[in-house]
Amino acid sequence: MSFRTLDDLNVRGKRVLVRADLNVPMADGKVTDSLRIVRQAPTIRELAKKGARVIVLSHFDRPKGKVVASMSLKPLVQALAGEIGRPVAFADECIGPSAQKAVAALKDGEVLLLENTRFHKGEEENNPSMAEQLAALGDIFVNDAFSAAHRAHASTEGVARLLPNAAGRSMQAELTHLAKALGNPERPLMAVVGGAKVSTKIALLENLVKRVETLVIGGAMANTFLAAEGIAVGKSLYEADHLETARKVIHMANEAGAAILLPADVVVAREFKPGAAHRTVSVSQIGADEIVLDVGENSIAEFRNRLQGTRTLVWNGPLGAFETAPFDRGTVAAAQLVASLTRAGQLLSVAGGGDTVAALAHAGVEDGFTYVSTAGGAFLEWLEGKALPGVEALQSN
């Protein structure tokens, strides 16, 4: 990939539009999870310190082109200011006279947050007029929102084609680590894919199986693969209409010379609730009235064996129902193994998407991986091998 970074820019006295992703969880007007703000702050802080007039763009929630008071970015001003260590002004519009006036009042080193870009239909439509109005507010465009890069919106793709552009530090980190993990990885390469449904990850599985030496499949989606191989999975969640999809992935793995690692043993219970009575059995011994809720110790032992010779790992999705003890043990054990080898310098590990961040935090190893992406859909589409409009626009400039 070829894109410019903050190191390539002379920003003193310049109006720099920064596309951030401040779409963070809120409750009663307060931020409940500030991880995305923490990830975006270094870019904003660095630009302000270098004397730029920083104008921050972001969406929040899904107002569908209308002004929705509860989806205003104004409550985020304090959180953003606290994270970057300097005051943040706010404009109640992202385009038009109000935004223009607020931008004109900026001095070198000052930061301005504009109102929710999705209050305008032109944002999600990638309307050229809206992109032009946004571009008129700045001299340089910096995209630091990898998590929104899979959307061709006015503030991600449209404006990037109208101004000199660069990747912010968070975007740079995402692209650098994903390139190391999938672009030109040190081999052997392993992918761990968990979660509930095969149907939501068909493209992901079909792309990864052609790239990796080992594909580990866990979570409820593993039940579909087991069922595809003729194994009775009792009352477990599985997709009967995707057995052929699973067989196709297995066939593709055989053709590519990749190994698919399915659970050898599983933790089952008759009901899914915290502390439910459970037992660990071979996959061939799942009772007709039992539900598979986690992988067993033998499966983790085999994972450990495969992991020892692995040099690069990509992880998406939990191996079991990690939110409910005791069915979190498999995910926790596997995550801790990856973190241990990563800390020892034996493994490059990149994770993200879906419940992955929460699962790694539950295991206490979110800082033990080489990189953990906060992007959901964008991370998945990258793993699927799709072009991301927001990234493509950076590379084209």
Protein backbone atom coordinates (compact mmCIF):
# COMPACT_ATOMS: atom_id res chain seq x y z
CA MET A 1 0.00 0.00 0.00
CA SER A 2 1.14 3.52 -0.76
CA PHE A 3 -0.31 6.36 1.28
CA ARG A 4 0.97 9.48 2.96
CA THR A 5 1.14 9.90 6.73
CA LEU A 6 1.41 12.85 9.09
CA ASP A 7 5.18 12.70 8.59
CA ASP A 8 4.68 13.85 4.99
CA LEU A 9 2.63 16.94 5.84
CA ASN A 10 3.49 20.56 6.62
CA VAL A 11 0.47 21.59 8.66
CA ARG A 12 1.42 24.78 10.50
CA GLY A 13 -1.26 27.39 9.90
CA LYS A 14 -3.22 24.99 7.70
CA ARG A 15 -6.85 23.95 8.16
CA VAL A 16 -6.71 20.17 8.57
CA LEU A 17 -9.91 18.17 8.32
CA VAL A 18 -9.59 15.00 10.40
CA ARG A 19 -12.13 12.25 9.81
CA ALA A 20 -12.31 10.50 13.16
CA ASP A 21 -14.69 7.83 14.42
CA LEU A 22 -16.27 9.10 17.62
CA ASN A 23 -19.21 6.69 17.39
CA VAL A 24 -18.70 5.45 20.95
CA PRO A 25 -21.12 3.86 23.43
CA MET A 26 -23.01 6.44 25.51
CA ALA A 27 -25.36 6.27 28.49
CA ASP A 28 -27.09 9.26 30.10
CA GLY A 29 -24.94 11.63 28.09
CA LYS A 30 -21.67 10.03 29.24
CA VAL A 31 -19.14 7.96 27.32
CA THR A 32 -19.12 4.38 28.62
CA ASP A 33 -16.29 3.08 26.43
CA SER A 34 -13.68 5.61 25.28
CA LEU A 35 -11.37 3.22 23.38
CA ARG A 36 -12.07 4.76 19.98
CA ILE A 37 -11.46 8.27 21.34
CA VAL A 38 -8.20 7.07 22.86
CA ARG A 39 -7.15 5.64 19.47
CA GLN A 40 -8.03 8.87 17.60
CA ALA A 41 -6.50 11.30 20.10
CA PRO A 42 -2.81 10.97 19.06
CA THR A 43 -3.50 12.25 15.54
CA ILE A 44 -5.53 15.24 16.73
CA ARG A 45 -3.00 16.01 19.47
CA GLU A 46 -0.03 15.79 17.10
CA LEU A 47 -1.60 18.01 14.46
CA ALA A 48 -2.56 20.66 17.04
CA LYS A 49 0.92 20.56 18.54
CA LYS A 50 2.38 21.17 15.06
CA GLY A 51 0.28 24.30 14.69
CA ALA A 52 -2.57 23.02 12.53
CA ARG A 53 -6.08 24.33 12.82
CA VAL A 54 -7.75 20.99 13.46
CA ILE A 55 -11.33 20.40 12.33
CA VAL A 56 -12.74 17.04 13.46
CA LEU A 57 -15.44 15.24 11.46
CA SER A 58 -17.35 12.21 12.69
CA HIS A 59 -20.65 10.40 12.45
CA PHE A 60 -22.62 9.17 15.44
CA ASP A 61 -25.26 6.45 15.37
CA ARG A 62 -27.79 6.35 12.52
CA PRO A 63 -29.92 9.50 12.29
CA LYS A 64 -30.64 8.72 8.60
CA GLY A 65 -30.09 12.21 7.28
CA LYS A 66 -32.13 14.01 9.92
CA VAL A 67 -31.19 16.06 12.97
CA VAL A 68 -31.73 13.88 16.03
CA ALA A 69 -30.85 15.67 19.27
CA SER A 70 -29.88 12.48 21.10
CA MET A 71 -27.29 11.78 18.39
CA SER A 72 -25.46 15.08 18.63
CA LEU A 73 -21.68 15.00 19.03
CA LYS A 74 -21.79 17.87 21.54
CA PRO A 75 -21.69 15.57 24.61
CA LEU A 76 -18.35 14.22 23.32
CA VAL A 77 -16.56 17.57 23.50
CA GLN A 78 -15.47 17.10 27.10
CA ALA A 79 -14.29 13.52 26.58
CA LEU A 80 -12.28 14.46 23.48
CA ALA A 81 -10.77 17.51 25.18
CA GLY A 82 -9.74 15.43 28.16
CA GLU A 83 -8.04 12.87 25.94
CA ILE A 84 -6.09 15.34 23.78
CA GLY A 85 -5.23 17.65 26.69
CA ARG A 86 -6.53 20.89 25.19
CA PRO A 87 -9.86 22.69 24.72
CA VAL A 88 -12.23 21.64 21.94
CA ALA A 89 -14.68 24.07 20.35
CA PHE A 90 -17.97 22.86 18.89
CA ALA A 91 -19.99 23.87 15.84
CA ASP A 92 -23.66 22.92 15.64
CA GLU A 93 -23.30 22.09 11.94
CA CYS A 94 -20.72 20.29 9.80
CA ILE A 95 -21.37 22.32 6.63
CA GLY A 96 -22.91 25.71 5.88
CA PRO A 97 -22.51 29.18 7.47
CA SER A 98 -22.32 27.96 11.08
CA ALA A 99 -19.47 25.56 10.30
CA GLN A 100 -17.71 28.14 8.12
CA LYS A 101 -17.85 30.75 10.89
CA ALA A 102 -16.47 28.32 13.49
CA VAL A 103 -13.61 27.28 11.20
CA ALA A 104 -12.77 30.92 10.40
CA ALA A 105 -12.43 31.64 14.13
CA LEU A 106 -9.80 28.93 14.65
CA LYS A 107 -6.23 29.88 15.48
CA ASP A 108 -3.11 27.74 15.01
CA GLY A 109 -3.11 24.79 17.42
CA GLU A 110 -6.83 24.97 18.17
CA VAL A 111 -9.33 22.12 17.75
CA LEU A 112 -12.92 22.24 16.54
CA LEU A 113 -15.45 19.42 16.53
CA LEU A 114 -18.19 19.68 13.91
CA GLU A 115 -21.68 18.26 14.35
CA ASN A 116 -22.68 14.73 13.24
CA THR A 117 -22.04 14.30 9.50
CA ARG A 118 -24.97 11.88 9.24
CA PHE A 119 -27.44 14.67 10.05
CA HIS A 120 -27.26 15.22 6.26
CA LYS A 121 -28.47 12.70 3.68
CA GLY A 122 -25.55 13.71 1.47
CA GLU A 123 -23.13 11.98 3.84
CA GLU A 124 -24.21 8.39 3.28
CA GLU A 125 -25.12 9.11 -0.33
CA ASN A 126 -21.56 10.38 -0.90
CA ASN A 127 -23.16 13.42 -2.50
CA PRO A 128 -20.57 15.47 -4.46
CA SER A 129 -22.06 18.73 -3.19
CA MET A 130 -21.64 17.72 0.44
CA ALA A 131 -18.11 16.49 -0.20
CA GLU A 132 -17.28 19.85 -1.80
CA GLN A 133 -18.75 21.77 1.13
CA LEU A 134 -16.68 19.73 3.57
CA ALA A 135 -13.54 20.13 1.46
CA ALA A 136 -14.05 23.92 1.38
CA LEU A 137 -13.52 23.96 5.15
CA GLY A 138 -9.97 22.57 4.95
CA ASP A 139 -6.66 22.69 3.16
CA ILE A 140 -5.66 19.08 3.96
CA PHE A 141 -7.68 15.94 4.69
CA VAL A 142 -6.50 13.31 7.19
CA ASN A 143 -8.49 10.10 7.53
CA ASP A 144 -8.00 8.44 10.90
CA ALA A 145 -11.23 6.40 10.87
CA PHE A 146 -10.36 2.95 9.56
CA SER A 147 -13.56 1.68 11.16
CA ALA A 148 -15.56 3.82 8.71
CA ALA A 149 -13.30 3.24 5.71
CA HIS A 150 -15.50 0.49 4.25
CA ARG A 151 -18.22 3.08 3.57
CA ALA A 152 -18.00 5.34 0.53
CA HIS A 153 -19.41 8.40 2.30
CA ALA A 154 -18.85 12.10 1.67
CA SER A 155 -16.63 12.50 4.74
CA THR A 156 -14.57 9.35 4.12
CA GLU A 157 -14.22 8.90 0.36
CA GLY A 158 -15.69 11.98 -1.29
CA VAL A 159 -13.64 14.65 0.46
CA ALA A 160 -10.46 12.53 0.22
CA ARG A 161 -10.54 12.93 -3.56
CA LEU A 162 -10.81 16.72 -3.34
CA LEU A 163 -7.94 17.60 -1.01
CA PRO A 164 -4.31 16.56 -0.44
CA ASN A 165 -4.71 13.67 1.98
CA ALA A 166 -2.92 11.37 4.40
CA ALA A 167 -3.61 8.62 6.91
CA GLY A 168 -3.77 9.52 10.59
CA ARG A 169 -1.80 7.55 13.17
CA SER A 170 -4.65 5.14 13.99
CA MET A 171 -5.37 4.49 10.30
CA GLN A 172 -1.64 4.07 9.68
CA ALA A 173 -1.38 1.51 12.49
CA GLU A 174 -4.39 -0.44 11.19
CA LEU A 175 -3.11 -0.58 7.62
CA THR A 176 0.45 -1.42 8.66
CA HIS A 177 -0.57 -4.31 10.90
CA LEU A 178 -3.14 -5.71 8.48
CA ALA A 179 -0.53 -5.65 5.73
CA LYS A 180 1.84 -7.58 7.97
CA ALA A 181 -0.88 -10.05 8.89
CA LEU A 182 -2.35 -10.75 5.46
CA GLY A 183 -0.53 -8.75 2.79
CA ASN A 184 2.92 -10.29 3.16
CA PRO A 185 2.86 -12.32 6.38
CA GLU A 186 5.67 -14.28 7.93
CA ARG A 187 4.62 -17.91 7.65
CA PRO A 188 3.14 -20.22 8.80
CA LEU A 189 -0.05 -18.12 9.02
CA MET A 190 -3.01 -19.16 11.16
CA ALA A 191 -6.51 -17.67 11.24
CA VAL A 192 -8.92 -18.15 14.13
CA VAL A 193 -12.55 -17.59 13.15
CA GLY A 194 -15.31 -17.94 15.73
CA GLY A 195 -18.81 -16.62 16.27
CA ALA A 196 -22.33 -17.83 15.76
CA LYS A 197 -23.01 -18.15 12.05
CA VAL A 198 -21.23 -19.43 8.97
CA SER A 199 -23.69 -17.44 6.83
CA THR A 200 -22.27 -14.11 8.00
CA LYS A 201 -18.68 -15.13 7.32
CA ILE A 202 -18.78 -17.02 4.01
CA ALA A 203 -16.63 -14.48 2.15
CA LEU A 204 -14.24 -14.31 5.09
CA LEU A 205 -13.78 -18.09 5.25
CA GLU A 206 -13.40 -18.43 1.49
CA ASN A 207 -10.74 -15.72 1.39
CA LEU A 208 -8.77 -16.92 4.41
CA VAL A 209 -8.73 -20.59 3.46
CA LYS A 210 -6.73 -19.67 0.35
CA ARG A 211 -4.18 -17.67 2.34
CA VAL A 212 -3.46 -19.57 5.55
CA GLU A 213 -1.71 -22.76 6.55
CA THR A 214 -4.21 -23.38 9.38
CA LEU A 215 -7.81 -22.24 9.77
CA VAL A 216 -9.21 -22.71 13.28
CA ILE A 217 -13.01 -22.67 13.45
CA GLY A 218 -14.77 -22.22 16.78
CA GLY A 219 -17.96 -20.89 18.29
CA ALA A 220 -21.38 -22.06 17.18
CA MET A 221 -20.25 -21.91 13.55
CA ALA A 222 -18.03 -24.91 14.29
CA ASN A 223 -21.24 -26.87 14.92
CA THR A 224 -22.26 -26.33 11.30
CA PHE A 225 -18.93 -27.74 10.14
CA LEU A 226 -19.25 -30.71 12.48
CA ALA A 227 -22.78 -31.36 11.22
CA ALA A 228 -21.49 -31.11 7.64
CA GLU A 229 -19.14 -33.98 8.48
CA GLY A 230 -22.03 -36.11 9.74
CA ILE A 231 -21.61 -35.45 13.46
CA ALA A 232 -24.81 -35.09 15.51
CA VAL A 233 -24.69 -31.83 17.46
CA GLY A 234 -27.81 -32.30 19.61
CA LYS A 235 -29.74 -29.10 20.32
CA SER A 236 -26.77 -26.90 19.50
CA LEU A 237 -27.08 -23.80 17.36
CA TYR A 238 -26.09 -24.64 13.79
CA GLU A 239 -27.19 -23.71 10.26
CA ALA A 240 -28.76 -26.67 8.50
CA ASP A 241 -29.06 -24.66 5.29
CA HIS A 242 -25.31 -23.98 5.21
CA LEU A 243 -23.94 -27.51 5.48
CA GLU A 244 -22.97 -27.36 1.81
CA THR A 245 -21.19 -24.05 2.43
CA ALA A 246 -19.14 -25.71 5.13
CA ARG A 247 -18.31 -28.62 2.82
CA LYS A 248 -17.23 -26.14 0.14
CA VAL A 249 -14.82 -24.45 2.57
CA ILE A 250 -13.42 -27.84 3.57
CA HIS A 251 -12.95 -28.71 -0.11
CA MET A 252 -11.24 -25.36 -0.76
CA ALA A 253 -8.90 -26.04 2.16
CA ASN A 254 -7.96 -29.42 0.74
CA GLU A 255 -7.33 -27.85 -2.66
CA ALA A 256 -5.15 -25.11 -1.11
CA GLY A 257 -3.28 -27.45 1.22
CA ALA A 258 -4.61 -25.71 4.32
CA ALA A 259 -5.54 -27.52 7.53
CA ILE A 260 -8.95 -26.87 9.10
CA LEU A 261 -8.92 -27.31 12.86
CA LEU A 262 -12.35 -28.13 14.30
CA PRO A 263 -13.07 -28.94 17.96
CA ALA A 264 -12.13 -32.49 18.97
CA ASP A 265 -14.01 -32.21 22.25
CA VAL A 266 -16.62 -29.76 23.50
CA VAL A 267 -18.29 -28.52 26.66
CA VAL A 268 -22.01 -29.29 26.63
CA ALA A 269 -24.99 -28.51 28.85
CA ARG A 270 -28.72 -29.14 28.76
CA GLU A 271 -29.46 -25.45 29.28
CA PHE A 272 -27.63 -22.24 28.55
CA LYS A 273 -27.34 -20.20 31.73
CA PRO A 274 -24.54 -19.09 34.11
CA GLY A 275 -23.15 -21.96 36.14
CA ALA A 276 -25.23 -24.57 34.32
CA ALA A 277 -24.38 -28.23 34.92
CA HIS A 278 -22.03 -29.25 32.12
CA ARG A 279 -19.63 -31.93 30.95
CA THR A 280 -16.80 -32.24 28.44
CA VAL A 281 -17.21 -34.89 25.76
CA SER A 282 -15.76 -35.95 22.44
CA VAL A 283 -17.67 -34.42 19.52
CA SER A 284 -18.92 -37.94 18.73
CA GLN A 285 -20.61 -38.16 22.14
CA ILE A 286 -22.83 -35.06 22.13
CA GLY A 287 -26.21 -36.01 23.60
CA ALA A 288 -29.42 -35.40 21.68
CA ASP A 289 -30.64 -33.01 24.41
CA GLU A 290 -27.31 -31.19 24.86
CA ILE A 291 -26.02 -27.83 23.61
CA VAL A 292 -22.39 -27.22 22.63
CA LEU A 293 -21.23 -24.06 24.42
CA ASP A 294 -17.42 -24.18 24.42
CA VAL A 295 -14.39 -26.11 23.21
CA GLY A 296 -12.79 -28.69 25.48
CA GLU A 297 -9.28 -29.16 26.87
CA ASN A 298 -8.17 -31.54 24.11
CA SER A 299 -9.16 -28.96 21.51
CA ILE A 300 -7.10 -26.32 23.31
CA ALA A 301 -4.16 -28.74 23.53
CA GLU A 302 -4.30 -29.27 19.76
CA PHE A 303 -4.56 -25.50 19.26
CA ARG A 304 -1.44 -25.09 21.42
CA ASN A 305 0.44 -27.64 19.31
CA ARG A 306 -0.47 -25.92 16.04
CA LEU A 307 0.29 -22.50 17.47
CA GLN A 308 3.85 -23.39 18.48
CA GLY A 309 5.12 -23.34 14.91
CA THR A 310 2.96 -20.42 13.78
CA ARG A 311 4.57 -17.04 13.06
CA THR A 312 1.52 -14.90 12.22
CA LEU A 313 -2.05 -15.13 13.55
CA VAL A 314 -5.29 -13.34 12.64
CA TRP A 315 -8.19 -13.70 15.10
CA ASN A 316 -11.87 -12.91 14.60
CA GLY A 317 -14.55 -14.15 16.97
CA PRO A 318 -14.73 -16.18 20.22
CA LEU A 319 -14.43 -19.96 20.49
CA GLY A 320 -17.40 -20.35 22.84
CA ALA A 321 -20.12 -18.48 24.73
CA PHE A 322 -17.47 -16.44 26.55
CA GLU A 323 -19.95 -13.99 28.10
CA THR A 324 -21.36 -16.75 30.31
CA ALA A 325 -19.20 -18.69 32.78
CA PRO A 326 -18.09 -21.43 32.75
CA PHE A 327 -18.30 -21.42 28.93
CA ASP A 328 -15.58 -18.80 28.64
CA ARG A 329 -12.69 -21.12 29.46
CA GLY A 330 -11.81 -22.15 25.91
CA THR A 331 -11.67 -18.61 24.55
CA VAL A 332 -9.70 -17.39 27.57
CA ALA A 333 -7.18 -20.24 27.39
CA ALA A 334 -6.62 -19.83 23.64
CA ALA A 335 -6.28 -16.05 23.91
CA GLN A 336 -3.77 -16.36 26.74
CA LEU A 337 -1.69 -18.80 24.69
CA VAL A 338 -1.57 -16.33 21.79
CA ALA A 339 -0.68 -13.45 24.11
CA SER A 340 2.10 -15.47 25.75
CA LEU A 341 3.79 -16.28 22.43
CA THR A 342 3.30 -12.71 21.24
CA ARG A 343 4.98 -11.29 24.34
CA ALA A 344 7.83 -13.76 23.84
CA GLY A 345 8.39 -12.35 20.36
CA GLN A 346 7.51 -15.65 18.66
CA LEU A 347 4.24 -14.51 17.08
CA LEU A 348 2.70 -11.50 15.35
CA SER A 349 -0.97 -11.46 16.34
CA VAL A 350 -3.71 -9.21 14.96
CA ALA A 351 -7.33 -9.39 16.16
CA GLY A 352 -10.56 -7.52 15.61
CA GLY A 353 -14.18 -7.51 14.54
CA GLY A 354 -17.42 -8.46 16.24
CA ASP A 355 -17.13 -9.65 19.83
CA THR A 356 -13.38 -10.17 19.56
CA VAL A 357 -12.30 -7.07 21.48
CA ALA A 358 -14.71 -7.89 24.33
CA ALA A 359 -13.53 -11.51 24.40
CA LEU A 360 -9.86 -10.53 24.60
CA ALA A 361 -10.62 -7.97 27.30
CA HIS A 362 -12.49 -10.67 29.22
CA ALA A 363 -9.38 -12.84 28.94
CA GLY A 364 -7.24 -9.94 30.17
CA VAL A 365 -5.03 -9.96 27.07
CA GLU A 366 -6.20 -7.02 24.96
CA ASP A 367 -2.70 -5.56 25.47
CA GLY A 368 -1.03 -8.92 24.85
CA PHE A 369 -1.69 -9.08 21.10
CA THR A 370 0.49 -7.23 18.61
CA TYR A 371 -2.53 -5.22 17.50
CA VAL A 372 -6.24 -5.24 18.32
CA SER A 373 -8.46 -3.41 15.84
CA THR A 374 -11.43 -1.41 17.10
CA ALA A 375 -12.99 -1.57 13.63
CA GLY A 376 -15.89 -3.97 13.13
CA GLY A 377 -17.22 -4.08 9.59
CA ALA A 378 -14.09 -2.58 8.03
CA PHE A 379 -11.87 -5.19 9.69
CA LEU A 380 -14.12 -8.00 8.43
CA GLU A 381 -14.27 -6.63 4.89
CA TRP A 382 -10.49 -6.34 4.84
CA LEU A 383 -10.22 -9.99 5.90
CA GLU A 384 -12.69 -10.84 3.15
CA GLY A 385 -10.29 -9.32 0.62
CA LYS A 386 -12.58 -6.44 -0.30
CA ALA A 387 -11.34 -2.98 -1.33
CA LEU A 388 -12.22 -0.30 1.24
CA PRO A 389 -13.32 2.99 -0.40
CA GLY A 390 -11.81 5.18 2.33
CA VAL A 391 -8.45 3.45 1.97
CA GLU A 392 -8.57 3.40 -1.82
CA ALA A 393 -9.13 7.16 -1.85
CA LEU A 394 -6.00 7.70 0.26
CA GLN A 395 -3.90 5.55 -2.02
CA SER A 396 -5.12 7.33 -5.15
CA ASN A 397 -3.90 10.75 -4.04
